[in-house]
Amino acid sequence: MSRVRLVFSGSGGQGVITAAIILAEAAVIYEGKNATQSQSYGAAARGGSTRSDIIISDREIDFPEVTEPNILVCLTQDAYNSYSSIIRPGGLLLTDSRYVQLTRKVDAKQVEMPMYDSVMEKIGKPVVFNICVLGALIGITEVVKPRAVMATIADRVPKDFIDLNNRAFDLGLVLGAQYNW
């Protein structure tokens, strides 16, 4: 991998920004790569639209904004409707089957999986949905190594919640491992 451009999108309160920060930090701190992470929010803190751009590269990064992501993660229908047209041809579009109905054809591999429902069934706490999504993304792409993400979770998450987040990440890895990109 020389450069991967990602967009995580959803709504405020889903942990989209936290997942993006964890991914970028894992790349920089534990894999020695260059990474940028930027974010934008809708007018409402919870429920408003949220987007985070991440670039991970072996080389210098000149501009932090992502215009054509290789990987697009959409966690709400609004995010999908807004951003599915920007994905780079041949890229990866990851959606959650509970919140997003695929309504258009894009020139990308579309992976739809029941991440939220799996979290609720196996863990029972929706607060770790974002970490399951991150695990699924890593399971599909291995854009960074799983151990780098787990180390970053240990650094970022309060100690009492590390095990819960690790379980969600592992669940996502298993879901994502079923797909090749």
N, C-alpha and C. Protein backbone atom coordinates (compact mmCIF):
# COMPACT_ATOMS: atom_id res chain seq x y z
N MET A 1 0.84 -1.18 0.00
CA MET A 1 0.00 0.00 0.00
C MET A 1 0.89 1.24 0.00
N SER A 2 0.69 2.10 -0.96
CA SER A 2 1.42 3.35 -0.90
C SER A 2 0.53 4.48 -0.37
N ARG A 3 -0.76 4.47 -0.73
CA ARG A 3 -1.68 5.50 -0.24
C ARG A 3 -3.11 4.99 -0.29
N VAL A 4 -3.83 5.15 0.82
CA VAL A 4 -5.24 4.80 0.88
C VAL A 4 -6.00 6.01 1.38
N ARG A 5 -7.08 6.33 0.68
CA ARG A 5 -7.93 7.46 1.04
C ARG A 5 -9.27 6.90 1.51
N LEU A 6 -9.66 7.26 2.72
CA LEU A 6 -10.89 6.73 3.31
C LEU A 6 -11.81 7.86 3.72
N VAL A 7 -13.11 7.60 3.64
CA VAL A 7 -14.11 8.49 4.21
C VAL A 7 -15.01 7.62 5.09
N PHE A 8 -15.13 8.02 6.36
CA PHE A 8 -16.09 7.41 7.28
C PHE A 8 -17.23 8.41 7.38
N SER A 9 -18.48 7.96 7.23
CA SER A 9 -19.61 8.87 7.29
C SER A 9 -20.76 8.23 8.04
N GLY A 10 -21.54 9.07 8.70
CA GLY A 10 -22.68 8.60 9.48
C GLY A 10 -23.35 9.78 10.13
N SER A 11 -23.81 9.57 11.36
CA SER A 11 -24.43 10.67 12.09
C SER A 11 -23.76 10.83 13.44
N GLY A 12 -23.88 12.02 13.99
CA GLY A 12 -23.29 12.32 15.29
C GLY A 12 -23.80 11.34 16.34
N GLY A 13 -22.89 10.85 17.16
CA GLY A 13 -23.25 9.90 18.21
C GLY A 13 -22.93 8.46 17.84
N GLN A 14 -22.61 8.19 16.58
CA GLN A 14 -22.28 6.82 16.16
C GLN A 14 -20.81 6.47 16.38
N GLY A 15 -19.98 7.44 16.71
CA GLY A 15 -18.57 7.15 16.93
C GLY A 15 -17.74 7.14 15.66
N VAL A 16 -18.25 7.75 14.60
CA VAL A 16 -17.55 7.79 13.32
C VAL A 16 -16.18 8.45 13.48
N ILE A 17 -16.15 9.59 14.18
CA ILE A 17 -14.90 10.34 14.35
C ILE A 17 -13.92 9.54 15.21
N THR A 18 -14.40 8.94 16.27
CA THR A 18 -13.53 8.15 17.14
C THR A 18 -12.89 7.00 16.37
N ALA A 19 -13.67 6.29 15.57
CA ALA A 19 -13.12 5.19 14.77
C ALA A 19 -12.05 5.69 13.81
N ALA A 20 -12.30 6.84 13.19
CA ALA A 20 -11.33 7.41 12.24
C ALA A 20 -10.03 7.80 12.95
N ILE A 21 -10.16 8.39 14.11
CA ILE A 21 -8.97 8.79 14.88
C ILE A 21 -8.16 7.56 15.28
N ILE A 22 -8.84 6.53 15.74
CA ILE A 22 -8.15 5.29 16.13
C ILE A 22 -7.40 4.71 14.93
N LEU A 23 -8.03 4.69 13.78
CA LEU A 23 -7.38 4.15 12.57
C LEU A 23 -6.15 4.96 12.21
N ALA A 24 -6.27 6.27 12.19
CA ALA A 24 -5.14 7.13 11.82
C ALA A 24 -3.99 6.99 12.84
N GLU A 25 -4.33 6.97 14.11
CA GLU A 25 -3.29 6.82 15.14
C GLU A 25 -2.61 5.45 15.04
N ALA A 26 -3.37 4.41 14.77
CA ALA A 26 -2.77 3.08 14.62
C ALA A 26 -1.75 3.08 13.50
N ALA A 27 -2.08 3.75 12.39
CA ALA A 27 -1.16 3.80 11.25
C ALA A 27 0.12 4.54 11.60
N VAL A 28 -0.01 5.66 12.28
CA VAL A 28 1.15 6.51 12.59
C VAL A 28 1.98 5.92 13.73
N ILE A 29 1.34 5.64 14.85
CA ILE A 29 2.07 5.26 16.06
C ILE A 29 2.62 3.83 15.99
N TYR A 30 1.82 2.92 15.47
CA TYR A 30 2.21 1.51 15.54
C TYR A 30 2.72 0.93 14.23
N GLU A 31 2.54 1.66 13.11
CA GLU A 31 3.02 1.13 11.84
C GLU A 31 3.98 2.07 11.13
N GLY A 32 4.26 3.22 11.73
CA GLY A 32 5.25 4.14 11.16
C GLY A 32 4.85 4.75 9.83
N LYS A 33 3.56 4.82 9.55
CA LYS A 33 3.09 5.41 8.30
C LYS A 33 2.74 6.87 8.54
N ASN A 34 2.53 7.60 7.47
CA ASN A 34 2.01 8.95 7.56
C ASN A 34 0.49 8.86 7.48
N ALA A 35 -0.19 9.73 8.21
CA ALA A 35 -1.65 9.73 8.16
C ALA A 35 -2.17 11.11 8.50
N THR A 36 -3.30 11.44 7.88
CA THR A 36 -4.04 12.64 8.25
C THR A 36 -5.46 12.20 8.57
N GLN A 37 -6.11 12.97 9.41
CA GLN A 37 -7.51 12.71 9.76
C GLN A 37 -8.16 14.07 9.96
N SER A 38 -9.23 14.32 9.24
CA SER A 38 -9.99 15.55 9.43
C SER A 38 -11.46 15.18 9.55
N GLN A 39 -12.25 16.11 10.06
CA GLN A 39 -13.64 15.79 10.32
C GLN A 39 -14.54 16.99 10.10
N SER A 40 -15.79 16.70 9.81
CA SER A 40 -16.80 17.75 9.71
C SER A 40 -18.09 17.23 10.32
N TYR A 41 -18.83 18.13 10.91
CA TYR A 41 -20.06 17.79 11.60
C TYR A 41 -21.21 18.59 11.02
N GLY A 42 -22.41 18.02 11.10
CA GLY A 42 -23.61 18.77 10.77
C GLY A 42 -23.95 19.71 11.91
N ALA A 43 -25.05 20.40 11.79
CA ALA A 43 -25.44 21.40 12.79
C ALA A 43 -25.73 20.79 14.16
N ALA A 44 -26.25 19.57 14.20
CA ALA A 44 -26.58 18.93 15.47
C ALA A 44 -25.44 18.03 15.92
N ALA A 45 -25.13 18.09 17.23
CA ALA A 45 -24.06 17.25 17.77
C ALA A 45 -24.43 15.78 17.70
N ARG A 46 -25.67 15.45 18.02
CA ARG A 46 -26.15 14.06 17.92
C ARG A 46 -27.22 14.02 16.86
N GLY A 47 -27.04 13.11 15.92
CA GLY A 47 -28.04 12.96 14.87
C GLY A 47 -27.73 13.75 13.61
N GLY A 48 -26.86 14.75 13.69
CA GLY A 48 -26.47 15.49 12.50
C GLY A 48 -25.46 14.69 11.70
N SER A 49 -25.23 15.08 10.48
CA SER A 49 -24.29 14.33 9.64
C SER A 49 -22.85 14.51 10.14
N THR A 50 -22.07 13.45 9.97
CA THR A 50 -20.67 13.43 10.38
C THR A 50 -19.85 12.77 9.28
N ARG A 51 -18.68 13.36 9.04
CA ARG A 51 -17.77 12.80 8.04
C ARG A 51 -16.35 12.97 8.55
N SER A 52 -15.56 11.94 8.33
CA SER A 52 -14.14 12.02 8.66
C SER A 52 -13.34 11.50 7.47
N ASP A 53 -12.36 12.28 7.05
CA ASP A 53 -11.45 11.90 5.97
C ASP A 53 -10.15 11.41 6.57
N ILE A 54 -9.66 10.29 6.09
CA ILE A 54 -8.40 9.72 6.55
C ILE A 54 -7.56 9.38 5.33
N ILE A 55 -6.31 9.75 5.37
CA ILE A 55 -5.35 9.33 4.35
C ILE A 55 -4.22 8.62 5.08
N ILE A 56 -3.88 7.44 4.63
CA ILE A 56 -2.76 6.67 5.18
C ILE A 56 -1.81 6.43 4.03
N SER A 57 -0.53 6.76 4.25
CA SER A 57 0.42 6.69 3.15
C SER A 57 1.82 6.33 3.64
N ASP A 58 2.56 5.70 2.75
CA ASP A 58 3.98 5.45 3.01
C ASP A 58 4.80 6.69 2.68
N ARG A 59 4.21 7.60 1.93
CA ARG A 59 4.90 8.83 1.52
C ARG A 59 4.29 10.04 2.22
N GLU A 60 4.86 11.19 1.94
CA GLU A 60 4.36 12.44 2.47
C GLU A 60 2.94 12.70 1.95
N ILE A 61 2.13 13.34 2.77
CA ILE A 61 0.76 13.68 2.38
C ILE A 61 0.70 15.19 2.22
N ASP A 62 0.35 15.63 1.02
CA ASP A 62 0.35 17.06 0.74
C ASP A 62 -0.96 17.76 1.06
N PHE A 63 -2.07 17.05 0.99
CA PHE A 63 -3.38 17.67 1.16
C PHE A 63 -4.28 16.71 1.94
N PRO A 64 -4.87 17.14 3.06
CA PRO A 64 -5.58 16.21 3.94
C PRO A 64 -7.01 15.86 3.55
N GLU A 65 -7.59 16.54 2.59
CA GLU A 65 -8.98 16.26 2.22
C GLU A 65 -9.06 15.12 1.22
N VAL A 66 -10.09 14.31 1.34
CA VAL A 66 -10.31 13.19 0.43
C VAL A 66 -11.45 13.56 -0.51
N THR A 67 -11.16 13.55 -1.81
CA THR A 67 -12.20 13.85 -2.79
C THR A 67 -12.74 12.58 -3.44
N GLU A 68 -11.91 11.60 -3.68
CA GLU A 68 -12.32 10.31 -4.25
C GLU A 68 -11.75 9.20 -3.38
N PRO A 69 -12.49 8.75 -2.37
CA PRO A 69 -11.94 7.72 -1.48
C PRO A 69 -11.82 6.37 -2.16
N ASN A 70 -10.77 5.65 -1.78
CA ASN A 70 -10.64 4.23 -2.15
C ASN A 70 -11.63 3.41 -1.34
N ILE A 71 -11.85 3.87 -0.10
CA ILE A 71 -12.73 3.17 0.83
C ILE A 71 -13.72 4.18 1.40
N LEU A 72 -14.99 3.83 1.31
CA LEU A 72 -16.07 4.67 1.84
C LEU A 72 -16.89 3.83 2.80
N VAL A 73 -17.05 4.32 4.02
CA VAL A 73 -17.87 3.66 5.03
C VAL A 73 -19.08 4.55 5.28
N CYS A 74 -20.28 4.03 5.06
CA CYS A 74 -21.52 4.78 5.28
C CYS A 74 -22.35 4.06 6.32
N LEU A 75 -22.64 4.77 7.42
CA LEU A 75 -23.39 4.14 8.51
C LEU A 75 -24.83 4.63 8.61
N THR A 76 -25.24 5.54 7.73
CA THR A 76 -26.63 5.97 7.68
C THR A 76 -27.05 6.10 6.22
N GLN A 77 -28.35 6.09 6.00
CA GLN A 77 -28.87 6.26 4.64
C GLN A 77 -28.49 7.63 4.09
N ASP A 78 -28.57 8.67 4.94
CA ASP A 78 -28.20 10.02 4.48
C ASP A 78 -26.74 10.06 4.04
N ALA A 79 -25.86 9.42 4.79
CA ALA A 79 -24.44 9.38 4.42
C ALA A 79 -24.27 8.68 3.08
N TYR A 80 -24.94 7.56 2.92
CA TYR A 80 -24.88 6.81 1.66
C TYR A 80 -25.39 7.66 0.50
N ASN A 81 -26.53 8.30 0.71
CA ASN A 81 -27.11 9.14 -0.36
C ASN A 81 -26.20 10.30 -0.71
N SER A 82 -25.51 10.84 0.28
CA SER A 82 -24.64 12.00 0.06
C SER A 82 -23.30 11.64 -0.57
N TYR A 83 -22.73 10.51 -0.17
CA TYR A 83 -21.34 10.25 -0.52
C TYR A 83 -21.08 9.07 -1.47
N SER A 84 -22.04 8.22 -1.72
CA SER A 84 -21.75 7.04 -2.53
C SER A 84 -21.25 7.39 -3.94
N SER A 85 -21.59 8.55 -4.42
CA SER A 85 -21.15 8.93 -5.77
C SER A 85 -19.68 9.37 -5.83
N ILE A 86 -19.03 9.58 -4.68
CA ILE A 86 -17.65 10.08 -4.72
C ILE A 86 -16.60 8.98 -4.69
N ILE A 87 -17.02 7.73 -4.52
CA ILE A 87 -16.04 6.66 -4.38
C ILE A 87 -15.24 6.47 -5.67
N ARG A 88 -13.97 6.22 -5.51
CA ARG A 88 -13.06 5.98 -6.62
C ARG A 88 -13.44 4.66 -7.31
N PRO A 89 -13.45 4.61 -8.63
CA PRO A 89 -13.74 3.35 -9.33
C PRO A 89 -12.83 2.22 -8.84
N GLY A 90 -13.44 1.08 -8.56
CA GLY A 90 -12.68 -0.07 -8.05
C GLY A 90 -12.50 -0.06 -6.55
N GLY A 91 -13.07 0.94 -5.88
CA GLY A 91 -12.93 1.07 -4.43
C GLY A 91 -13.81 0.11 -3.66
N LEU A 92 -13.94 0.37 -2.37
CA LEU A 92 -14.73 -0.44 -1.47
C LEU A 92 -15.75 0.44 -0.77
N LEU A 93 -17.01 0.02 -0.81
CA LEU A 93 -18.10 0.70 -0.11
C LEU A 93 -18.61 -0.25 0.96
N LEU A 94 -18.45 0.13 2.23
CA LEU A 94 -18.88 -0.68 3.36
C LEU A 94 -20.08 -0.03 4.02
N THR A 95 -21.18 -0.79 4.15
CA THR A 95 -22.39 -0.26 4.79
C THR A 95 -22.93 -1.27 5.80
N ASP A 96 -23.76 -0.77 6.71
CA ASP A 96 -24.44 -1.61 7.67
C ASP A 96 -25.85 -1.90 7.16
N SER A 97 -26.23 -3.16 7.11
CA SER A 97 -27.51 -3.54 6.51
C SER A 97 -28.73 -3.05 7.30
N ARG A 98 -28.55 -2.72 8.55
CA ARG A 98 -29.69 -2.21 9.35
C ARG A 98 -30.02 -0.77 8.97
N TYR A 99 -29.02 0.03 8.70
CA TYR A 99 -29.22 1.47 8.51
C TYR A 99 -29.14 1.94 7.07
N VAL A 100 -28.61 1.13 6.17
CA VAL A 100 -28.40 1.58 4.79
C VAL A 100 -29.00 0.58 3.82
N GLN A 101 -29.82 1.08 2.92
CA GLN A 101 -30.34 0.27 1.83
C GLN A 101 -29.62 0.72 0.56
N LEU A 102 -28.95 -0.23 -0.08
CA LEU A 102 -28.21 0.09 -1.30
C LEU A 102 -29.22 0.35 -2.43
N THR A 103 -29.20 1.58 -2.94
CA THR A 103 -30.20 1.97 -3.94
C THR A 103 -29.59 2.37 -5.26
N ARG A 104 -28.27 2.44 -5.33
CA ARG A 104 -27.64 2.83 -6.59
C ARG A 104 -26.45 1.94 -6.87
N LYS A 105 -26.13 1.86 -8.12
CA LYS A 105 -24.97 1.08 -8.56
C LYS A 105 -23.76 2.00 -8.56
N VAL A 106 -22.69 1.55 -7.93
CA VAL A 106 -21.44 2.31 -7.95
C VAL A 106 -20.35 1.41 -8.51
N ASP A 107 -19.33 2.01 -9.07
CA ASP A 107 -18.21 1.25 -9.63
C ASP A 107 -17.24 0.92 -8.51
N ALA A 108 -17.71 0.10 -7.57
CA ALA A 108 -16.91 -0.28 -6.41
C ALA A 108 -17.46 -1.60 -5.88
N LYS A 109 -16.66 -2.26 -5.08
CA LYS A 109 -17.15 -3.45 -4.39
C LYS A 109 -18.03 -2.98 -3.24
N GLN A 110 -19.28 -3.39 -3.25
CA GLN A 110 -20.21 -3.01 -2.20
C GLN A 110 -20.34 -4.16 -1.20
N VAL A 111 -19.96 -3.89 0.04
CA VAL A 111 -20.06 -4.89 1.10
C VAL A 111 -21.05 -4.36 2.13
N GLU A 112 -22.13 -5.12 2.28
CA GLU A 112 -23.18 -4.78 3.22
C GLU A 112 -23.22 -5.89 4.25
N MET A 113 -23.11 -5.54 5.52
CA MET A 113 -23.14 -6.58 6.54
C MET A 113 -23.88 -6.10 7.78
N PRO A 114 -24.39 -7.05 8.58
CA PRO A 114 -25.18 -6.70 9.76
C PRO A 114 -24.31 -6.40 10.98
N MET A 115 -23.54 -5.35 10.92
CA MET A 115 -22.61 -5.05 12.01
C MET A 115 -23.36 -4.64 13.29
N TYR A 116 -24.32 -3.72 13.16
CA TYR A 116 -25.06 -3.27 14.34
C TYR A 116 -25.82 -4.43 14.98
N ASP A 117 -26.54 -5.19 14.17
CA ASP A 117 -27.30 -6.32 14.71
C ASP A 117 -26.38 -7.35 15.36
N SER A 118 -25.21 -7.57 14.79
CA SER A 118 -24.24 -8.51 15.38
C SER A 118 -23.74 -8.00 16.74
N VAL A 119 -23.48 -6.70 16.82
CA VAL A 119 -23.05 -6.12 18.10
C VAL A 119 -24.14 -6.31 19.15
N MET A 120 -25.38 -6.04 18.79
CA MET A 120 -26.46 -6.15 19.75
C MET A 120 -26.68 -7.61 20.16
N GLU A 121 -26.55 -8.53 19.23
CA GLU A 121 -26.76 -9.95 19.53
C GLU A 121 -25.63 -10.52 20.38
N LYS A 122 -24.38 -10.20 20.03
CA LYS A 122 -23.22 -10.84 20.69
C LYS A 122 -22.70 -10.07 21.90
N ILE A 123 -22.86 -8.72 21.88
CA ILE A 123 -22.28 -7.91 22.94
C ILE A 123 -23.36 -7.19 23.76
N GLY A 124 -24.40 -6.73 23.07
CA GLY A 124 -25.52 -6.10 23.76
C GLY A 124 -25.35 -4.63 24.10
N LYS A 125 -24.29 -4.01 23.60
CA LYS A 125 -24.04 -2.59 23.90
C LYS A 125 -23.79 -1.83 22.60
N PRO A 126 -24.72 -0.97 22.20
CA PRO A 126 -24.56 -0.26 20.92
C PRO A 126 -23.39 0.72 20.89
N VAL A 127 -22.87 1.08 22.04
CA VAL A 127 -21.79 2.06 22.11
C VAL A 127 -20.52 1.60 21.39
N VAL A 128 -20.37 0.30 21.14
CA VAL A 128 -19.17 -0.21 20.47
C VAL A 128 -19.42 -0.55 18.99
N PHE A 129 -20.55 -0.12 18.46
CA PHE A 129 -20.85 -0.33 17.04
C PHE A 129 -19.72 0.18 16.17
N ASN A 130 -19.21 1.38 16.46
CA ASN A 130 -18.14 1.98 15.65
C ASN A 130 -16.87 1.13 15.64
N ILE A 131 -16.56 0.49 16.74
CA ILE A 131 -15.35 -0.33 16.83
C ILE A 131 -15.56 -1.64 16.05
N CYS A 132 -16.77 -2.16 16.05
CA CYS A 132 -17.08 -3.32 15.22
C CYS A 132 -16.92 -2.97 13.74
N VAL A 133 -17.40 -1.79 13.34
CA VAL A 133 -17.25 -1.33 11.96
C VAL A 133 -15.77 -1.24 11.60
N LEU A 134 -14.98 -0.67 12.50
CA LEU A 134 -13.54 -0.57 12.27
C LEU A 134 -12.92 -1.97 12.13
N GLY A 135 -13.34 -2.89 12.96
CA GLY A 135 -12.85 -4.27 12.84
C GLY A 135 -13.23 -4.90 11.52
N ALA A 136 -14.46 -4.66 11.06
CA ALA A 136 -14.88 -5.21 9.77
C ALA A 136 -14.04 -4.63 8.64
N LEU A 137 -13.78 -3.34 8.70
CA LEU A 137 -12.94 -2.70 7.68
C LEU A 137 -11.54 -3.31 7.65
N ILE A 138 -10.96 -3.50 8.83
CA ILE A 138 -9.62 -4.10 8.90
C ILE A 138 -9.67 -5.57 8.46
N GLY A 139 -10.74 -6.27 8.79
CA GLY A 139 -10.89 -7.65 8.36
C GLY A 139 -10.95 -7.79 6.85
N ILE A 140 -11.56 -6.81 6.19
CA ILE A 140 -11.67 -6.84 4.73
C ILE A 140 -10.37 -6.38 4.07
N THR A 141 -9.79 -5.30 4.57
CA THR A 141 -8.70 -4.63 3.85
C THR A 141 -7.32 -4.80 4.47
N GLU A 142 -7.25 -4.96 5.77
CA GLU A 142 -6.01 -4.90 6.54
C GLU A 142 -5.16 -3.69 6.13
N VAL A 143 -5.85 -2.54 6.04
CA VAL A 143 -5.18 -1.28 5.73
C VAL A 143 -4.12 -0.97 6.81
N VAL A 144 -4.37 -1.42 8.03
CA VAL A 144 -3.37 -1.50 9.09
C VAL A 144 -3.55 -2.85 9.76
N LYS A 145 -2.57 -3.28 10.49
CA LYS A 145 -2.63 -4.58 11.15
C LYS A 145 -3.59 -4.51 12.35
N PRO A 146 -4.32 -5.60 12.59
CA PRO A 146 -5.24 -5.62 13.72
C PRO A 146 -4.56 -5.29 15.05
N ARG A 147 -3.35 -5.77 15.26
CA ARG A 147 -2.67 -5.50 16.53
C ARG A 147 -2.40 -4.01 16.73
N ALA A 148 -2.20 -3.26 15.65
CA ALA A 148 -1.99 -1.81 15.75
C ALA A 148 -3.27 -1.13 16.22
N VAL A 149 -4.40 -1.58 15.71
CA VAL A 149 -5.69 -1.00 16.14
C VAL A 149 -5.95 -1.36 17.59
N MET A 150 -5.71 -2.59 17.98
CA MET A 150 -5.96 -3.00 19.36
C MET A 150 -5.06 -2.25 20.34
N ALA A 151 -3.84 -1.99 19.95
CA ALA A 151 -2.94 -1.20 20.80
C ALA A 151 -3.45 0.23 20.93
N THR A 152 -3.97 0.79 19.85
CA THR A 152 -4.51 2.14 19.89
C THR A 152 -5.78 2.19 20.74
N ILE A 153 -6.62 1.18 20.64
CA ILE A 153 -7.80 1.11 21.51
C ILE A 153 -7.37 1.11 22.97
N ALA A 154 -6.36 0.34 23.29
CA ALA A 154 -5.86 0.29 24.68
C ALA A 154 -5.35 1.66 25.14
N ASP A 155 -4.79 2.44 24.22
CA ASP A 155 -4.30 3.78 24.55
C ASP A 155 -5.43 4.79 24.72
N ARG A 156 -6.48 4.67 23.93
CA ARG A 156 -7.53 5.70 23.82
C ARG A 156 -8.75 5.48 24.68
N VAL A 157 -9.08 4.22 24.94
CA VAL A 157 -10.33 3.89 25.61
C VAL A 157 -10.09 3.77 27.12
N PRO A 158 -11.03 4.26 27.95
CA PRO A 158 -10.88 4.07 29.40
C PRO A 158 -10.71 2.58 29.73
N LYS A 159 -9.87 2.31 30.71
CA LYS A 159 -9.50 0.94 31.05
C LYS A 159 -10.71 0.01 31.26
N ASP A 160 -11.76 0.52 31.87
CA ASP A 160 -12.93 -0.31 32.13
C ASP A 160 -13.66 -0.74 30.86
N PHE A 161 -13.36 -0.12 29.74
CA PHE A 161 -14.08 -0.41 28.49
C PHE A 161 -13.20 -1.06 27.42
N ILE A 162 -11.95 -1.33 27.75
CA ILE A 162 -11.03 -1.92 26.76
C ILE A 162 -11.52 -3.30 26.33
N ASP A 163 -11.90 -4.15 27.27
CA ASP A 163 -12.35 -5.50 26.92
C ASP A 163 -13.59 -5.45 26.03
N LEU A 164 -14.53 -4.60 26.35
CA LEU A 164 -15.75 -4.44 25.55
C LEU A 164 -15.41 -4.02 24.12
N ASN A 165 -14.51 -3.06 23.98
CA ASN A 165 -14.10 -2.59 22.66
C ASN A 165 -13.31 -3.65 21.91
N ASN A 166 -12.46 -4.39 22.60
CA ASN A 166 -11.72 -5.47 21.95
C ASN A 166 -12.66 -6.56 21.44
N ARG A 167 -13.69 -6.87 22.21
CA ARG A 167 -14.69 -7.87 21.76
C ARG A 167 -15.40 -7.38 20.50
N ALA A 168 -15.75 -6.09 20.48
CA ALA A 168 -16.42 -5.53 19.30
C ALA A 168 -15.49 -5.53 18.10
N PHE A 169 -14.23 -5.19 18.31
CA PHE A 169 -13.25 -5.20 17.23
C PHE A 169 -13.07 -6.61 16.67
N ASP A 170 -12.94 -7.59 17.56
CA ASP A 170 -12.80 -8.99 17.13
C ASP A 170 -14.03 -9.45 16.35
N LEU A 171 -15.21 -9.05 16.80
CA LEU A 171 -16.44 -9.40 16.09
C LEU A 171 -16.41 -8.83 14.67
N GLY A 172 -15.99 -7.58 14.55
CA GLY A 172 -15.87 -6.97 13.23
C GLY A 172 -14.85 -7.67 12.35
N LEU A 173 -13.72 -8.04 12.93
CA LEU A 173 -12.70 -8.77 12.16
C LEU A 173 -13.27 -10.06 11.56
N VAL A 174 -14.03 -10.78 12.37
CA VAL A 174 -14.63 -12.04 11.91
C VAL A 174 -15.63 -11.75 10.78
N LEU A 175 -16.46 -10.73 10.95
CA LEU A 175 -17.42 -10.39 9.90
C LEU A 175 -16.69 -10.00 8.62
N GLY A 176 -15.67 -9.16 8.74
CA GLY A 176 -14.95 -8.67 7.56
C GLY A 176 -14.10 -9.72 6.87
N ALA A 177 -13.63 -10.70 7.63
CA ALA A 177 -12.74 -11.74 7.06
C ALA A 177 -13.44 -12.57 5.98
N GLN A 178 -14.76 -12.49 5.92
CA GLN A 178 -15.51 -13.25 4.92
C GLN A 178 -15.40 -12.64 3.52
N TYR A 179 -14.85 -11.43 3.44
CA TYR A 179 -14.79 -10.71 2.19
C TYR A 179 -13.33 -10.44 1.81
N ASN A 180 -13.04 -10.43 0.54
CA ASN A 180 -11.71 -10.04 0.06
C ASN A 180 -11.86 -8.78 -0.77
N TRP A 181 -10.89 -7.91 -0.62
CA TRP A 181 -10.91 -6.69 -1.43
C TRP A 181 -9.62 -6.57 -2.17
